[in-house]
PDB file of all heavy atoms in Angstrom:
ATOM      1  N   ASP A   1     130.544  92.990 111.414  1.00  0.00           N
ATOM      2  CA  ASP A   1     131.009  93.244 110.052  1.00  0.00           C
ATOM      3  C   ASP A   1     129.768  93.361 109.171  1.00  0.00           C
ATOM      4  O   ASP A   1     129.202  92.296 108.839  1.00  0.00           O
ATOM      5  CB  ASP A   1     131.980  92.163 109.617  1.00  0.00           C
ATOM      6  CG  ASP A   1     132.481  92.361 108.195  1.00  0.00           C
ATOM      7  OD1 ASP A   1     132.291  93.480 107.644  1.00  0.00           O
ATOM      8  OD2 ASP A   1     133.061  91.396 107.673  1.00  0.00           O
ATOM      9  N   VAL A   2     129.402  94.513 108.731  1.00  0.00           N
ATOM     10  CA  VAL A   2     128.116  94.686 108.068  1.00  0.00           C
ATOM     11  C   VAL A   2     128.289  94.978 106.588  1.00  0.00           C
ATOM     12  O   VAL A   2     129.122  95.762 106.216  1.00  0.00           O
ATOM     13  CB  VAL A   2     127.315  95.889 108.721  1.00  0.00           C
ATOM     14  CG1 VAL A   2     125.957  96.029 107.976  1.00  0.00           C
ATOM     15  CG2 VAL A   2     127.084  95.584 110.185  1.00  0.00           C
ATOM     16  N   ALA A   3     127.456  94.271 105.781  1.00  0.00           N
ATOM     17  CA  ALA A   3     127.518  94.464 104.317  1.00  0.00           C
ATOM     18  C   ALA A   3     126.112  94.584 103.782  1.00  0.00           C
ATOM     19  O   ALA A   3     125.187  93.976 104.297  1.00  0.00           O
ATOM     20  CB  ALA A   3     128.247  93.329 103.620  1.00  0.00           C
ATOM     21  N   SER A   4     125.953  95.413 102.750  1.00  0.00           N
ATOM     22  CA  SER A   4     124.717  95.563 102.073  1.00  0.00           C
ATOM     23  C   SER A   4     124.763  94.696 100.781  1.00  0.00           C
ATOM     24  O   SER A   4     125.780  94.580 100.158  1.00  0.00           O
ATOM     25  CB  SER A   4     124.447  97.008 101.717  1.00  0.00           C
ATOM     26  OG  SER A   4     123.292  97.192 100.948  1.00  0.00           O
ATOM     27  N   GLN A   5     123.622  94.149 100.420  1.00  0.00           N
ATOM     28  CA  GLN A   5     123.463  93.400  99.159  1.00  0.00           C
ATOM     29  C   GLN A   5     122.429  94.112  98.310  1.00  0.00           C
ATOM     30  O   GLN A   5     121.263  93.740  98.334  1.00  0.00           O
ATOM     31  CB  GLN A   5     123.070  91.994  99.445  1.00  0.00           C
ATOM     32  CG  GLN A   5     124.074  91.209 100.268  1.00  0.00           C
ATOM     33  CD  GLN A   5     123.626  89.817 100.612  1.00  0.00           C
ATOM     34  OE1 GLN A   5     122.434  89.462 100.448  1.00  0.00           O
ATOM     35  NE2 GLN A   5     124.514  89.000 101.156  1.00  0.00           N
ATOM     36  N   PRO A   6     122.812  95.157  97.566  1.00  0.00           N
ATOM     37  CA  PRO A   6     121.833  95.970  96.807  1.00  0.00           C
ATOM     38  C   PRO A   6     121.279  95.248  95.565  1.00  0.00           C
ATOM     39  O   PRO A   6     121.962  94.408  94.992  1.00  0.00           O
ATOM     40  CB  PRO A   6     122.637  97.191  96.426  1.00  0.00           C
ATOM     41  CG  PRO A   6     124.072  96.740  96.396  1.00  0.00           C
ATOM     42  CD  PRO A   6     124.159  95.676  97.461  1.00  0.00           C
ATOM     43  N   PHE A   7     120.110  95.662  95.136  1.00  0.00           N
ATOM     44  CA  PHE A   7     119.518  95.093  93.971  1.00  0.00           C
ATOM     45  C   PHE A   7     118.491  96.093  93.448  1.00  0.00           C
ATOM     46  O   PHE A   7     117.986  96.899  94.195  1.00  0.00           O
ATOM     47  CB  PHE A   7     118.868  93.712  94.228  1.00  0.00           C
ATOM     48  CG  PHE A   7     117.889  93.726  95.418  1.00  0.00           C
ATOM     49  CD1 PHE A   7     116.578  94.124  95.251  1.00  0.00           C
ATOM     50  CD2 PHE A   7     118.325  93.324  96.663  1.00  0.00           C
ATOM     51  CE1 PHE A   7     115.734  94.150  96.360  1.00  0.00           C
ATOM     52  CE2 PHE A   7     117.476  93.325  97.742  1.00  0.00           C
ATOM     53  CZ  PHE A   7     116.159  93.760  97.596  1.00  0.00           C
ATOM     54  N   ASP A   8     118.146  95.952  92.191  1.00  0.00           N
ATOM     55  CA  ASP A   8     117.072  96.703  91.548  1.00  0.00           C
ATOM     56  C   ASP A   8     115.720  96.042  91.816  1.00  0.00           C
ATOM     57  O   ASP A   8     115.630  94.857  91.926  1.00  0.00           O
ATOM     58  CB  ASP A   8     117.285  96.884  90.063  1.00  0.00           C
ATOM     59  CG  ASP A   8     118.542  97.654  89.718  1.00  0.00           C
ATOM     60  OD1 ASP A   8     118.872  98.577  90.495  1.00  0.00           O
ATOM     61  OD2 ASP A   8     119.145  97.452  88.670  1.00  0.00           O
ATOM     62  N   CYS A   9     114.671  96.894  91.900  1.00  0.00           N
ATOM     63  CA  CYS A   9     113.322  96.368  92.094  1.00  0.00           C
ATOM     64  C   CYS A   9     112.326  97.377  91.573  1.00  0.00           C
ATOM     65  O   CYS A   9     112.716  98.447  91.114  1.00  0.00           O
ATOM     66  CB  CYS A   9     113.081  96.067  93.608  1.00  0.00           C
ATOM     67  SG  CYS A   9     113.111  97.521  94.644  1.00  0.00           S
ATOM     68  N   LEU A  10     111.079  97.006  91.641  1.00  0.00           N
ATOM     69  CA  LEU A  10     110.025  97.838  91.156  1.00  0.00           C
ATOM     70  C   LEU A  10     109.209  98.328  92.358  1.00  0.00           C
ATOM     71  O   LEU A  10     108.737  97.573  93.191  1.00  0.00           O
ATOM     72  CB  LEU A  10     109.068  97.058  90.202  1.00  0.00           C
ATOM     73  CG  LEU A  10     108.139  97.869  89.309  1.00  0.00           C
ATOM     74  CD1 LEU A  10     108.922  98.688  88.303  1.00  0.00           C
ATOM     75  CD2 LEU A  10     107.168  96.892  88.587  1.00  0.00           C
ATOM     76  N   ASP A  11     108.997  99.692  92.420  1.00  0.00           N
ATOM     77  CA  ASP A  11     108.078 100.261  93.359  1.00  0.00           C
ATOM     78  C   ASP A  11     106.788 100.601  92.622  1.00  0.00           C
ATOM     79  O   ASP A  11     106.715 100.503  91.349  1.00  0.00           O
ATOM     80  CB  ASP A  11     108.668 101.486  94.022  1.00  0.00           C
ATOM     81  CG  ASP A  11     107.960 101.926  95.257  1.00  0.00           C
ATOM     82  OD1 ASP A  11     107.094 101.134  95.735  1.00  0.00           O
ATOM     83  OD2 ASP A  11     108.181 103.077  95.741  1.00  0.00           O
ATOM     84  N   TRP A  12     105.785 101.057  93.294  1.00  0.00           N
ATOM     85  CA  TRP A  12     104.502 101.245  92.724  1.00  0.00           C
ATOM     86  C   TRP A  12     103.732 102.356  93.436  1.00  0.00           C
ATOM     87  O   TRP A  12     103.662 102.349  94.689  1.00  0.00           O
ATOM     88  CB  TRP A  12     103.736  99.939  92.684  1.00  0.00           C
ATOM     89  CG  TRP A  12     102.374  99.939  92.026  1.00  0.00           C
ATOM     90  CD1 TRP A  12     102.084 100.082  90.730  1.00  0.00           C
ATOM     91  CD2 TRP A  12     101.125  99.724  92.735  1.00  0.00           C
ATOM     92  NE1 TRP A  12     100.733  99.921  90.574  1.00  0.00           N
ATOM     93  CE2 TRP A  12     100.107  99.725  91.728  1.00  0.00           C
ATOM     94  CE3 TRP A  12     100.762  99.536  94.081  1.00  0.00           C
ATOM     95  CZ2 TRP A  12      98.759  99.596  92.051  1.00  0.00           C
ATOM     96  CZ3 TRP A  12      99.430  99.380  94.437  1.00  0.00           C
ATOM     97  CH2 TRP A  12      98.402  99.354  93.405  1.00  0.00           C
ATOM     98  N   GLU A  13     103.138 103.282  92.708  1.00  0.00           N
ATOM     99  CA  GLU A  13     102.294 104.314  93.290  1.00  0.00           C
ATOM    100  C   GLU A  13     100.852 104.109  92.812  1.00  0.00           C
ATOM    101  O   GLU A  13     100.634 103.874  91.633  1.00  0.00           O
ATOM    102  CB  GLU A  13     102.754 105.706  92.924  1.00  0.00           C
ATOM    103  CG  GLU A  13     104.025 106.120  93.682  1.00  0.00           C
ATOM    104  CD  GLU A  13     104.418 107.556  93.460  1.00  0.00           C
ATOM    105  OE1 GLU A  13     103.708 108.227  92.651  1.00  0.00           O
ATOM    106  OE2 GLU A  13     105.407 108.002  94.049  1.00  0.00           O
ATOM    107  N   ASN A  14      99.903 104.252  93.712  1.00  0.00           N
ATOM    108  CA  ASN A  14      98.511 103.977  93.398  1.00  0.00           C
ATOM    109  C   ASN A  14      97.666 105.114  93.907  1.00  0.00           C
ATOM    110  O   ASN A  14      97.682 105.456  95.084  1.00  0.00           O
ATOM    111  CB  ASN A  14      98.092 102.679  94.051  1.00  0.00           C
ATOM    112  CG  ASN A  14      96.596 102.433  93.980  1.00  0.00           C
ATOM    113  OD1 ASN A  14      95.996 102.689  92.979  1.00  0.00           O
ATOM    114  ND2 ASN A  14      96.067 101.884  95.072  1.00  0.00           N
ATOM    115  N   GLN A  15      96.916 105.698  93.002  1.00  0.00           N
ATOM    116  CA  GLN A  15      95.971 106.778  93.373  1.00  0.00           C
ATOM    117  C   GLN A  15      94.550 106.308  93.422  1.00  0.00           C
ATOM    118  O   GLN A  15      93.609 107.150  93.517  1.00  0.00           O
ATOM    119  CB  GLN A  15      96.093 107.978  92.405  1.00  0.00           C
ATOM    120  CG  GLN A  15      97.468 108.702  92.546  1.00  0.00           C
ATOM    121  CD  GLN A  15      98.598 108.009  91.777  1.00  0.00           C
ATOM    122  OE1 GLN A  15      98.376 107.562  90.663  1.00  0.00           O
ATOM    123  NE2 GLN A  15      99.780 107.950  92.415  1.00  0.00           N
ATOM    124  N   GLY A  16      94.308 105.032  93.288  1.00  0.00           N
ATOM    125  CA  GLY A  16      92.951 104.475  93.433  1.00  0.00           C
ATOM    126  C   GLY A  16      92.360 104.001  92.102  1.00  0.00           C
ATOM    127  O   GLY A  16      92.958 104.179  91.039  1.00  0.00           O
ATOM    128  N   ALA A  17      91.214 103.433  92.190  1.00  0.00           N
ATOM    129  CA  ALA A  17      90.531 102.888  91.012  1.00  0.00           C
ATOM    130  C   ALA A  17      89.025 103.042  91.249  1.00  0.00           C
ATOM    131  O   ALA A  17      88.504 103.152  92.378  1.00  0.00           O
ATOM    132  CB  ALA A  17      90.836 101.384  90.875  1.00  0.00           C
ATOM    133  N   SER A  18      88.285 103.072  90.136  1.00  0.00           N
ATOM    134  CA  SER A  18      86.792 103.176  90.203  1.00  0.00           C
ATOM    135  C   SER A  18      86.190 102.316  89.085  1.00  0.00           C
ATOM    136  O   SER A  18      86.759 102.069  88.029  1.00  0.00           O
ATOM    137  CB  SER A  18      86.379 104.619  89.956  1.00  0.00           C
ATOM    138  OG  SER A  18      86.769 105.120  88.697  1.00  0.00           O
ATOM    139  N   LEU A  19      84.963 101.781  89.408  1.00  0.00           N
ATOM    140  CA  LEU A  19      84.253 100.936  88.500  1.00  0.00           C
ATOM    141  C   LEU A  19      82.792 101.330  88.548  1.00  0.00           C
ATOM    142  O   LEU A  19      82.193 101.400  89.646  1.00  0.00           O
ATOM    143  CB  LEU A  19      84.447  99.480  88.901  1.00  0.00           C
ATOM    144  CG  LEU A  19      83.598  98.412  88.150  1.00  0.00           C
ATOM    145  CD1 LEU A  19      84.067  98.343  86.691  1.00  0.00           C
ATOM    146  CD2 LEU A  19      83.715  97.061  88.848  1.00  0.00           C
ATOM    147  N   THR A  20      82.200 101.488  87.374  1.00  0.00           N
ATOM    148  CA  THR A  20      80.743 101.751  87.299  1.00  0.00           C
ATOM    149  C   THR A  20      80.146 100.770  86.322  1.00  0.00           C
ATOM    150  O   THR A  20      80.671 100.457  85.273  1.00  0.00           O
ATOM    151  CB  THR A  20      80.446 103.228  86.845  1.00  0.00           C
ATOM    152  OG1 THR A  20      81.104 103.430  85.572  1.00  0.00           O
ATOM    153  CG2 THR A  20      81.021 104.218  87.855  1.00  0.00           C
ATOM    154  N   ALA A  21      78.894 100.410  86.638  1.00  0.00           N
ATOM    155  CA  ALA A  21      78.105  99.518  85.784  1.00  0.00           C
ATOM    156  C   ALA A  21      76.643  99.801  86.021  1.00  0.00           C
ATOM    157  O   ALA A  21      76.190  99.835  87.138  1.00  0.00           O
ATOM    158  CB  ALA A  21      78.412  98.026  86.068  1.00  0.00           C
ATOM    159  N   GLY A  22      75.914 100.012  84.936  1.00  0.00           N
ATOM    160  CA  GLY A  22      74.470 100.286  85.052  1.00  0.00           C
ATOM    161  C   GLY A  22      74.150 101.454  85.926  1.00  0.00           C
ATOM    162  O   GLY A  22      73.135 101.465  86.621  1.00  0.00           O
ATOM    163  N   GLY A  23      75.020 102.454  85.908  1.00  0.00           N
ATOM    164  CA  GLY A  23      74.818 103.624  86.762  1.00  0.00           C
ATOM    165  C   GLY A  23      75.205 103.433  88.231  1.00  0.00           C
ATOM    166  O   GLY A  23      75.040 104.382  89.044  1.00  0.00           O
ATOM    167  N   ASN A  24      75.711 102.299  88.609  1.00  0.00           N
ATOM    168  CA  ASN A  24      76.091 102.014  90.008  1.00  0.00           C
ATOM    169  C   ASN A  24      77.619 101.989  90.122  1.00  0.00           C
ATOM    170  O   ASN A  24      78.326 101.508  89.228  1.00  0.00           O
ATOM    171  CB  ASN A  24      75.525 100.641  90.436  1.00  0.00           C
ATOM    172  CG  ASN A  24      74.008 100.602  90.374  1.00  0.00           C
ATOM    173  OD1 ASN A  24      73.385 101.499  90.905  1.00  0.00           O
ATOM    174  ND2 ASN A  24      73.478  99.582  89.731  1.00  0.00           N
ATOM    175  N   ASN A  25      78.099 102.453  91.276  1.00  0.00           N
ATOM    176  CA  ASN A  25      79.539 102.419  91.558  1.00  0.00           C
ATOM    177  C   ASN A  25      79.836 101.175  92.355  1.00  0.00           C
ATOM    178  O   ASN A  25      79.115 100.819  93.274  1.00  0.00           O
ATOM    179  CB  ASN A  25      79.911 103.688  92.353  1.00  0.00           C
ATOM    180  CG  ASN A  25      79.794 104.957  91.600  1.00  0.00           C
ATOM    181  OD1 ASN A  25      80.077 104.961  90.360  1.00  0.00           O
ATOM    182  ND2 ASN A  25      79.338 105.996  92.199  1.00  0.00           N
ATOM    183  N   PHE A  26      80.947 100.534  92.043  1.00  0.00           N
ATOM    184  CA  PHE A  26      81.373  99.350  92.788  1.00  0.00           C
ATOM    185  C   PHE A  26      82.774  99.667  93.399  1.00  0.00           C
ATOM    186  O   PHE A  26      83.624 100.255  92.743  1.00  0.00           O
ATOM    187  CB  PHE A  26      81.518  98.145  91.813  1.00  0.00           C
ATOM    188  CG  PHE A  26      80.207  97.635  91.342  1.00  0.00           C
ATOM    189  CD1 PHE A  26      79.539  98.280  90.313  1.00  0.00           C
ATOM    190  CD2 PHE A  26      79.587  96.513  91.951  1.00  0.00           C
ATOM    191  CE1 PHE A  26      78.306  97.771  89.851  1.00  0.00           C
ATOM    192  CE2 PHE A  26      78.401  95.987  91.499  1.00  0.00           C
ATOM    193  CZ  PHE A  26      77.763  96.655  90.423  1.00  0.00           C
ATOM    194  N   GLU A  27      82.963  99.191  94.612  1.00  0.00           N
ATOM    195  CA  GLU A  27      84.212  99.400  95.288  1.00  0.00           C
ATOM    196  C   GLU A  27      85.263  98.406  94.741  1.00  0.00           C
ATOM    197  O   GLU A  27      85.051  97.207  94.829  1.00  0.00           O
ATOM    198  CB  GLU A  27      84.118  99.206  96.775  1.00  0.00           C
ATOM    199  CG  GLU A  27      85.402  99.527  97.543  1.00  0.00           C
ATOM    200  CD  GLU A  27      85.268  99.351  99.032  1.00  0.00           C
ATOM    201  OE1 GLU A  27      84.245  98.822  99.510  1.00  0.00           O
ATOM    202  OE2 GLU A  27      86.249  99.763  99.758  1.00  0.00           O
ATOM    203  N   VAL A  28      86.319  98.963  94.196  1.00  0.00           N
ATOM    204  CA  VAL A  28      87.401  98.107  93.702  1.00  0.00           C
ATOM    205  C   VAL A  28      88.718  98.695  94.171  1.00  0.00           C
ATOM    206  O   VAL A  28      88.883  99.883  94.432  1.00  0.00           O
ATOM    207  CB  VAL A  28      87.434  97.964  92.182  1.00  0.00           C
ATOM    208  CG1 VAL A  28      86.243  97.206  91.660  1.00  0.00           C
ATOM    209  CG2 VAL A  28      87.505  99.375  91.515  1.00  0.00           C
ATOM    210  N   MET A  29      89.779  97.858  94.275  1.00  0.00           N
ATOM    211  CA  MET A  29      91.123  98.209  94.637  1.00  0.00           C
ATOM    212  C   MET A  29      92.065  97.865  93.499  1.00  0.00           C
ATOM    213  O   MET A  29      91.862  96.811  92.876  1.00  0.00           O
ATOM    214  CB  MET A  29      91.566  97.534  95.945  1.00  0.00           C
ATOM    215  CG  MET A  29      90.945  98.090  97.230  1.00  0.00           C
ATOM    216  SD  MET A  29      89.197  97.792  97.386  1.00  0.00           S
ATOM    217  CE  MET A  29      89.161  96.017  97.656  1.00  0.00           C
ATOM    218  N   SER A  30      93.004  98.728  93.217  1.00  0.00           N
ATOM    219  CA  SER A  30      93.996  98.389  92.217  1.00  0.00           C
ATOM    220  C   SER A  30      94.825  97.205  92.633  1.00  0.00           C
ATOM    221  O   SER A  30      95.345  97.146  93.793  1.00  0.00           O
ATOM    222  CB  SER A  30      94.945  99.612  91.965  1.00  0.00           C
ATOM    223  OG  SER A  30      94.215 100.770  91.641  1.00  0.00           O
ATOM    224  N   SER A  31      94.990  96.226  91.766  1.00  0.00           N
ATOM    225  CA  SER A  31      95.918  95.133  92.033  1.00  0.00           C
ATOM    226  C   SER A  31      97.305  95.671  92.182  1.00  0.00           C
ATOM    227  O   SER A  31      97.761  96.467  91.356  1.00  0.00           O
ATOM    228  CB  SER A  31      95.843  94.094  90.893  1.00  0.00           C
ATOM    229  OG  SER A  31      94.573  93.590  90.756  1.00  0.00           O
ATOM    230  N   PRO A  32      98.044  95.292  93.224  1.00  0.00           N
ATOM    231  CA  PRO A  32      99.396  95.772  93.404  1.00  0.00           C
ATOM    232  C   PRO A  32     100.279  95.579  92.149  1.00  0.00           C
ATOM    233  O   PRO A  32     100.309  94.524  91.556  1.00  0.00           O
ATOM    234  CB  PRO A  32      99.933  94.984  94.619  1.00  0.00           C
ATOM    235  CG  PRO A  32      98.708  94.667  95.378  1.00  0.00           C
ATOM    236  CD  PRO A  32      97.623  94.402  94.340  1.00  0.00           C
ATOM    237  N   TYR A  33     100.941  96.655  91.763  1.00  0.00           N
ATOM    238  CA  TYR A  33     101.840  96.732  90.599  1.00  0.00           C
ATOM    239  C   TYR A  33     101.092  96.662  89.275  1.00  0.00           C
ATOM    240  O   TYR A  33     101.735  96.521  88.240  1.00  0.00           O
ATOM    241  CB  TYR A  33     102.942  95.575  90.701  1.00  0.00           C
ATOM    242  CG  TYR A  33     103.646  95.708  91.994  1.00  0.00           C
ATOM    243  CD1 TYR A  33     103.343  94.931  93.098  1.00  0.00           C
ATOM    244  CD2 TYR A  33     104.642  96.703  92.178  1.00  0.00           C
ATOM    245  CE1 TYR A  33     103.975  95.064  94.317  1.00  0.00           C
ATOM    246  CE2 TYR A  33     105.319  96.845  93.383  1.00  0.00           C
ATOM    247  CZ  TYR A  33     104.950  96.039  94.445  1.00  0.00           C
ATOM    248  OH  TYR A  33     105.571  96.173  95.660  1.00  0.00           O
ATOM    249  N   SER A  34      99.756  96.910  89.289  1.00  0.00           N
ATOM    250  CA  SER A  34      99.025  96.946  88.068  1.00  0.00           C
ATOM    251  C   SER A  34      99.373  98.245  87.258  1.00  0.00           C
ATOM    252  O   SER A  34      99.723  99.238  87.851  1.00  0.00           O
ATOM    253  CB  SER A  34      97.506  96.957  88.328  1.00  0.00           C
ATOM    254  OG  SER A  34      96.767  97.243  87.151  1.00  0.00           O
TER     255      SER A  34
END
């Protein structure tokens, strides 16, 4: 006997992030759901 328990939630799409300082690039990742 199968039942679903639906609910609303937040999804998130991320196309990346970039950081530069003093002419140098630093590897950074977007914080999930930022």
